[in-house]
């Protein structure tokens, strides 16, 4: 607002419309020159090819994402157990071997009858 007021005072009301028209023409020419330079530079560096390549890559990424979603909906992902170290694996194997090798306390091998280990009820 202040710029308009100062311009009106410096140029005067008689020459203001002509000055604004001239200023508009120069701004238009400058804008067209910059646009033409931009187009020329883009053609020089092959910007169309770069844009096309970026578009193709984004389309391929979307297709890969859709493919993964379809695969996951058809076949749920397999959850893998975390890898165990050799010490815990060996300890588990020893524990399983002990369970297999120890005789069952509920069977008396001499008579073939099962012992009654249930708690006795007293009435």
N, C-alpha and C. Protein backbone atom coordinates (compact mmCIF):
# COMPACT_ATOMS: atom_id res chain seq x y z
N UNK A 1 0.84 -1.19 0.00
CA UNK A 1 0.00 0.00 0.00
C UNK A 1 0.87 1.24 0.00
N UNK A 2 1.94 1.20 0.78
CA UNK A 2 2.85 2.33 0.85
C UNK A 2 3.55 2.56 -0.48
N UNK A 3 3.89 1.44 -1.17
CA UNK A 3 4.55 1.56 -2.47
C UNK A 3 3.64 2.24 -3.48
N UNK A 4 2.38 1.89 -3.47
CA UNK A 4 1.42 2.50 -4.40
C UNK A 4 1.31 4.00 -4.13
N UNK A 5 1.27 4.37 -2.88
CA UNK A 5 1.15 5.78 -2.49
C UNK A 5 2.38 6.58 -2.92
N UNK A 6 3.57 6.03 -2.68
CA UNK A 6 4.81 6.71 -3.08
C UNK A 6 4.88 6.82 -4.60
N UNK A 7 4.51 5.74 -5.31
CA UNK A 7 4.52 5.76 -6.77
C UNK A 7 3.56 6.81 -7.30
N UNK A 8 2.41 6.92 -6.73
CA UNK A 8 1.42 7.92 -7.14
C UNK A 8 1.97 9.34 -6.92
N UNK A 9 2.66 9.55 -5.83
CA UNK A 9 3.21 10.88 -5.56
C UNK A 9 4.38 11.20 -6.48
N UNK A 10 5.26 10.22 -6.77
CA UNK A 10 6.45 10.47 -7.59
C UNK A 10 6.08 10.61 -9.05
N UNK A 11 5.28 9.70 -9.58
CA UNK A 11 4.96 9.69 -11.01
C UNK A 11 3.83 10.68 -11.31
N UNK A 12 2.90 10.74 -10.45
CA UNK A 12 1.76 11.63 -10.67
C UNK A 12 0.60 10.86 -11.27
N UNK A 13 -0.61 11.34 -11.08
CA UNK A 13 -1.79 10.63 -11.55
C UNK A 13 -1.93 10.59 -13.08
N UNK A 14 -1.30 11.53 -13.78
CA UNK A 14 -1.44 11.55 -15.24
C UNK A 14 -0.62 10.45 -15.91
N UNK A 15 0.58 10.19 -15.42
CA UNK A 15 1.46 9.21 -16.07
C UNK A 15 1.37 7.82 -15.43
N UNK A 16 0.64 7.66 -14.36
CA UNK A 16 0.55 6.38 -13.64
C UNK A 16 -0.01 5.25 -14.51
N UNK A 17 -1.12 5.43 -15.26
CA UNK A 17 -1.61 4.32 -16.09
C UNK A 17 -0.62 3.87 -17.15
N UNK A 18 0.05 4.82 -17.79
CA UNK A 18 1.03 4.48 -18.83
C UNK A 18 2.23 3.75 -18.21
N UNK A 19 2.68 4.20 -17.05
CA UNK A 19 3.81 3.56 -16.37
C UNK A 19 3.46 2.14 -15.94
N UNK A 20 2.26 1.94 -15.43
CA UNK A 20 1.83 0.60 -15.01
C UNK A 20 1.74 -0.34 -16.21
N UNK A 21 1.24 0.16 -17.35
CA UNK A 21 1.15 -0.65 -18.56
C UNK A 21 2.54 -1.07 -19.02
N UNK A 22 3.48 -0.12 -19.02
CA UNK A 22 4.85 -0.42 -19.44
C UNK A 22 5.50 -1.41 -18.48
N UNK A 23 5.30 -1.22 -17.20
CA UNK A 23 5.83 -2.14 -16.20
C UNK A 23 5.26 -3.55 -16.39
N UNK A 24 3.98 -3.66 -16.67
CA UNK A 24 3.34 -4.96 -16.93
C UNK A 24 3.92 -5.65 -18.15
N UNK A 25 4.19 -4.87 -19.23
CA UNK A 25 4.79 -5.44 -20.44
C UNK A 25 6.19 -5.98 -20.15
N UNK A 26 6.99 -5.24 -19.39
CA UNK A 26 8.34 -5.70 -19.07
C UNK A 26 8.31 -6.94 -18.19
N UNK A 27 7.42 -6.97 -17.24
CA UNK A 27 7.31 -8.17 -16.37
C UNK A 27 6.88 -9.37 -17.21
N UNK A 28 5.95 -9.19 -18.15
CA UNK A 28 5.53 -10.28 -19.03
C UNK A 28 6.66 -10.80 -19.89
N UNK A 29 7.45 -9.88 -20.47
CA UNK A 29 8.58 -10.28 -21.30
C UNK A 29 9.61 -11.06 -20.47
N UNK A 30 9.88 -10.56 -19.29
CA UNK A 30 10.84 -11.24 -18.41
C UNK A 30 10.36 -12.64 -18.03
N UNK A 31 9.07 -12.75 -17.74
CA UNK A 31 8.50 -14.05 -17.39
C UNK A 31 8.60 -15.03 -18.56
N UNK A 32 8.28 -14.56 -19.76
CA UNK A 32 8.37 -15.44 -20.94
C UNK A 32 9.81 -15.85 -21.23
N UNK A 33 10.75 -14.92 -21.00
CA UNK A 33 12.16 -15.25 -21.22
C UNK A 33 12.63 -16.34 -20.27
N UNK A 34 12.24 -16.22 -19.00
CA UNK A 34 12.62 -17.25 -18.02
C UNK A 34 11.97 -18.59 -18.35
N UNK A 35 10.73 -18.57 -18.80
CA UNK A 35 10.05 -19.83 -19.16
C UNK A 35 10.74 -20.48 -20.36
N UNK A 36 11.13 -19.67 -21.35
CA UNK A 36 11.82 -20.20 -22.52
C UNK A 36 13.18 -20.78 -22.14
N UNK A 37 13.90 -20.10 -21.25
CA UNK A 37 15.20 -20.63 -20.80
C UNK A 37 15.01 -21.94 -20.04
N UNK A 38 13.97 -22.01 -19.23
CA UNK A 38 13.70 -23.22 -18.46
C UNK A 38 13.44 -24.41 -19.39
N UNK A 39 12.62 -24.19 -20.40
CA UNK A 39 12.31 -25.25 -21.37
C UNK A 39 13.57 -25.68 -22.10
N UNK A 40 14.39 -24.72 -22.51
CA UNK A 40 15.62 -25.03 -23.23
C UNK A 40 16.59 -25.84 -22.37
N UNK A 41 16.73 -25.45 -21.12
CA UNK A 41 17.63 -26.18 -20.21
C UNK A 41 17.11 -27.59 -19.96
N UNK A 42 15.80 -27.74 -19.78
CA UNK A 42 15.23 -29.07 -19.57
C UNK A 42 15.46 -29.96 -20.78
N UNK A 43 15.36 -29.39 -21.98
CA UNK A 43 15.62 -30.18 -23.19
C UNK A 43 17.09 -30.56 -23.28
N UNK A 44 17.97 -29.66 -22.86
CA UNK A 44 19.40 -29.94 -22.92
C UNK A 44 19.78 -31.11 -22.01
N UNK A 45 19.25 -31.13 -20.82
CA UNK A 45 19.65 -32.19 -19.88
C UNK A 45 18.76 -33.43 -19.97
N UNK A 46 17.76 -33.40 -20.84
CA UNK A 46 16.90 -34.57 -21.01
C UNK A 46 15.96 -34.78 -19.85
N UNK A 47 15.37 -33.72 -19.39
CA UNK A 47 14.49 -33.79 -18.23
C UNK A 47 13.26 -34.66 -18.49
N UNK A 48 12.82 -34.72 -19.74
CA UNK A 48 11.66 -35.57 -20.05
C UNK A 48 11.99 -37.04 -19.77
N UNK A 49 13.20 -37.44 -20.13
CA UNK A 49 13.60 -38.83 -19.88
C UNK A 49 13.68 -39.10 -18.38
N UNK A 50 14.19 -38.12 -17.63
CA UNK A 50 14.30 -38.29 -16.19
C UNK A 50 12.91 -38.40 -15.57
N UNK A 51 11.99 -37.54 -15.99
CA UNK A 51 10.62 -37.59 -15.47
C UNK A 51 9.96 -38.92 -15.82
N UNK A 52 10.15 -39.37 -17.04
CA UNK A 52 9.56 -40.64 -17.48
C UNK A 52 10.12 -41.80 -16.65
N UNK A 53 11.44 -41.78 -16.42
CA UNK A 53 12.07 -42.84 -15.63
C UNK A 53 11.54 -42.84 -14.20
N UNK A 54 11.43 -41.65 -13.59
CA UNK A 54 10.90 -41.57 -12.23
C UNK A 54 9.47 -42.07 -12.16
N UNK A 55 8.68 -41.73 -13.18
CA UNK A 55 7.29 -42.19 -13.21
C UNK A 55 7.25 -43.72 -13.33
N UNK A 56 8.08 -44.27 -14.20
CA UNK A 56 8.11 -45.73 -14.37
C UNK A 56 8.54 -46.43 -13.08
N UNK A 57 9.51 -45.86 -12.38
CA UNK A 57 9.95 -46.46 -11.13
C UNK A 57 8.86 -46.43 -10.08
N UNK A 58 8.11 -45.33 -10.01
CA UNK A 58 7.03 -45.27 -9.02
C UNK A 58 5.91 -46.25 -9.37
N UNK A 59 5.63 -46.41 -10.66
CA UNK A 59 4.61 -47.38 -11.08
C UNK A 59 5.07 -48.79 -10.74
N UNK A 60 6.34 -49.10 -10.98
CA UNK A 60 6.86 -50.43 -10.67
C UNK A 60 6.83 -50.69 -9.16
N UNK A 61 7.12 -49.68 -8.36
CA UNK A 61 7.07 -49.85 -6.90
C UNK A 61 5.64 -50.12 -6.44
N UNK A 62 4.67 -49.44 -7.04
CA UNK A 62 3.27 -49.68 -6.69
C UNK A 62 2.86 -51.09 -7.09
N UNK A 63 3.30 -51.55 -8.26
CA UNK A 63 2.96 -52.90 -8.71
C UNK A 63 3.57 -53.94 -7.77
N UNK A 64 4.80 -53.72 -7.32
CA UNK A 64 5.46 -54.65 -6.40
C UNK A 64 4.71 -54.70 -5.07
N UNK A 65 4.26 -53.54 -4.60
CA UNK A 65 3.51 -53.49 -3.35
C UNK A 65 2.20 -54.25 -3.48
N UNK A 66 1.50 -54.08 -4.59
CA UNK A 66 0.24 -54.79 -4.81
C UNK A 66 0.49 -56.30 -4.90
N UNK A 67 1.58 -56.68 -5.58
CA UNK A 67 1.92 -58.10 -5.69
C UNK A 67 2.18 -58.71 -4.31
N UNK A 68 2.92 -57.99 -3.46
CA UNK A 68 3.19 -58.48 -2.11
C UNK A 68 1.90 -58.61 -1.30
N UNK A 69 1.01 -57.63 -1.44
CA UNK A 69 -0.26 -57.68 -0.71
C UNK A 69 -1.09 -58.89 -1.15
N UNK A 70 -1.11 -59.17 -2.45
CA UNK A 70 -1.87 -60.31 -2.95
C UNK A 70 -1.26 -61.61 -2.45
N UNK A 71 0.06 -61.71 -2.47
CA UNK A 71 0.72 -62.93 -1.98
C UNK A 71 0.43 -63.14 -0.49
N UNK A 72 0.47 -62.06 0.28
CA UNK A 72 0.22 -62.18 1.72
C UNK A 72 -1.23 -62.51 2.01
N UNK A 73 -2.15 -62.06 1.17
CA UNK A 73 -3.56 -62.37 1.41
C UNK A 73 -3.87 -63.82 1.04
N UNK A 74 -3.17 -64.36 0.07
CA UNK A 74 -3.38 -65.75 -0.33
C UNK A 74 -2.68 -66.69 0.64
N UNK A 75 -1.44 -66.39 0.96
CA UNK A 75 -0.62 -67.25 1.81
C UNK A 75 -0.05 -66.40 2.93
N UNK A 76 -0.50 -66.61 4.17
CA UNK A 76 0.00 -65.77 5.26
C UNK A 76 1.50 -65.95 5.43
N UNK A 77 2.18 -64.91 5.87
CA UNK A 77 3.64 -65.02 6.02
C UNK A 77 4.02 -66.03 7.09
N UNK A 78 5.10 -66.72 6.86
CA UNK A 78 5.60 -67.73 7.79
C UNK A 78 6.40 -67.02 8.87
N UNK A 79 6.04 -67.30 10.12
CA UNK A 79 6.76 -66.68 11.23
C UNK A 79 7.86 -67.64 11.64
N UNK A 80 9.07 -67.16 11.57
CA UNK A 80 10.21 -67.99 11.90
C UNK A 80 10.58 -67.78 13.35
N UNK A 81 11.00 -68.89 13.99
CA UNK A 81 11.46 -68.79 15.36
C UNK A 81 12.82 -68.12 15.36
N UNK A 82 13.10 -67.36 16.40
CA UNK A 82 14.42 -66.73 16.44
C UNK A 82 15.49 -67.79 16.55
N UNK A 83 16.62 -67.56 15.94
CA UNK A 83 17.69 -68.57 15.98
C UNK A 83 18.19 -68.75 17.41
N UNK A 84 18.43 -70.01 17.76
CA UNK A 84 18.93 -70.31 19.10
C UNK A 84 20.41 -70.57 19.00
N UNK A 85 21.10 -70.30 20.08
CA UNK A 85 22.53 -70.58 20.05
C UNK A 85 22.76 -72.05 20.36
N UNK A 86 23.93 -72.52 20.16
CA UNK A 86 24.21 -73.95 20.29
C UNK A 86 24.11 -74.43 21.73
N UNK A 87 24.35 -73.56 22.70
CA UNK A 87 24.29 -73.97 24.11
C UNK A 87 22.85 -74.31 24.50
N UNK A 88 21.89 -73.45 24.15
CA UNK A 88 20.50 -73.74 24.50
C UNK A 88 19.97 -74.92 23.71
N UNK A 89 20.40 -75.07 22.47
CA UNK A 89 19.96 -76.22 21.68
C UNK A 89 20.47 -77.52 22.29
N UNK A 90 21.70 -77.52 22.74
CA UNK A 90 22.28 -78.71 23.37
C UNK A 90 21.57 -79.02 24.69
N UNK A 91 21.29 -78.00 25.47
CA UNK A 91 20.60 -78.20 26.75
C UNK A 91 19.21 -78.78 26.53
N UNK A 92 18.51 -78.30 25.54
CA UNK A 92 17.17 -78.84 25.24
C UNK A 92 17.26 -80.29 24.80
N UNK A 93 18.26 -80.62 23.98
CA UNK A 93 18.42 -81.99 23.51
C UNK A 93 18.73 -82.93 24.68
N UNK A 94 19.56 -82.49 25.61
CA UNK A 94 19.88 -83.32 26.78
C UNK A 94 18.64 -83.54 27.62
N UNK A 95 17.86 -82.51 27.82
CA UNK A 95 16.63 -82.62 28.62
C UNK A 95 15.65 -83.60 27.97
N UNK A 96 15.51 -83.55 26.67
CA UNK A 96 14.61 -84.47 25.96
C UNK A 96 15.13 -85.91 26.08
N UNK A 97 16.45 -86.10 25.96
CA UNK A 97 17.02 -87.44 26.11
C UNK A 97 16.76 -88.01 27.50
N UNK A 98 16.88 -87.17 28.53
CA UNK A 98 16.63 -87.64 29.90
C UNK A 98 15.18 -88.07 30.06
N UNK A 99 14.26 -87.33 29.47
CA UNK A 99 12.85 -87.67 29.57
C UNK A 99 12.56 -88.99 28.87
N UNK A 100 13.22 -89.21 27.77
CA UNK A 100 12.98 -90.44 27.01
C UNK A 100 13.58 -91.64 27.74
N UNK A 101 14.77 -91.49 28.32
CA UNK A 101 15.48 -92.59 28.93
C UNK A 101 14.98 -92.95 30.33
N UNK A 102 14.39 -92.03 31.06
CA UNK A 102 13.95 -92.34 32.42
C UNK A 102 12.68 -93.18 32.36
N UNK A 103 12.62 -94.25 33.19
CA UNK A 103 11.41 -95.10 33.20
C UNK A 103 10.26 -94.36 33.86
N UNK A 104 9.09 -94.70 33.46
CA UNK A 104 7.90 -94.07 34.00
C UNK A 104 7.69 -94.57 35.42
N UNK A 105 7.51 -93.68 36.39
CA UNK A 105 7.35 -94.12 37.78
C UNK A 105 5.99 -94.75 38.03
N UNK A 106 5.07 -94.61 37.16
CA UNK A 106 3.73 -95.13 37.39
C UNK A 106 3.62 -96.61 37.08
N UNK A 107 4.59 -97.23 36.41
CA UNK A 107 4.47 -98.64 36.03
C UNK A 107 5.52 -99.45 36.79
N UNK A 108 5.05 -100.49 37.42
CA UNK A 108 5.96 -101.41 38.10
C UNK A 108 6.33 -102.48 37.10
N UNK A 109 7.61 -102.49 36.69
CA UNK A 109 8.03 -103.40 35.64
C UNK A 109 8.08 -104.84 36.10
N UNK A 110 8.14 -105.09 37.36
CA UNK A 110 8.21 -106.47 37.84
C UNK A 110 6.86 -107.14 37.79
N UNK A 111 5.80 -106.40 38.12
CA UNK A 111 4.48 -107.02 38.13
C UNK A 111 3.67 -106.64 36.91
N UNK A 112 4.05 -105.51 36.28
CA UNK A 112 3.29 -105.07 35.11
C UNK A 112 2.06 -104.29 35.47
N UNK A 113 1.89 -104.03 36.78
CA UNK A 113 0.71 -103.27 37.21
C UNK A 113 1.12 -101.83 37.48
N UNK A 114 0.17 -100.97 37.31
CA UNK A 114 0.43 -99.56 37.56
C UNK A 114 0.25 -99.26 39.03
N UNK A 115 1.15 -98.47 39.58
CA UNK A 115 1.02 -98.03 40.96
C UNK A 115 -0.01 -96.92 41.02
N UNK A 116 -0.67 -96.86 42.15
CA UNK A 116 -1.67 -95.81 42.32
C UNK A 116 -0.99 -94.65 43.03
N UNK A 117 -0.75 -93.58 42.30
CA UNK A 117 -0.09 -92.41 42.86
C UNK A 117 -1.11 -91.32 43.18
N UNK A 118 -2.37 -91.60 43.02
CA UNK A 118 -3.37 -90.58 43.31
C UNK A 118 -3.48 -90.41 44.80
N UNK A 119 -3.76 -89.19 45.26
CA UNK A 119 -3.86 -88.98 46.71
C UNK A 119 -5.06 -89.76 47.27
N UNK A 120 -4.84 -90.33 48.45
CA UNK A 120 -5.88 -91.11 49.12
C UNK A 120 -6.84 -90.18 49.80
N UNK A 121 -8.11 -90.46 49.67
CA UNK A 121 -9.13 -89.64 50.31
C UNK A 121 -9.51 -90.31 51.63
N UNK A 122 -9.52 -89.51 52.63
CA UNK A 122 -9.95 -90.02 53.94
C UNK A 122 -11.27 -89.39 54.29
N UNK A 123 -12.18 -90.23 54.71
CA UNK A 123 -13.51 -89.71 55.03
C UNK A 123 -13.77 -89.74 56.48
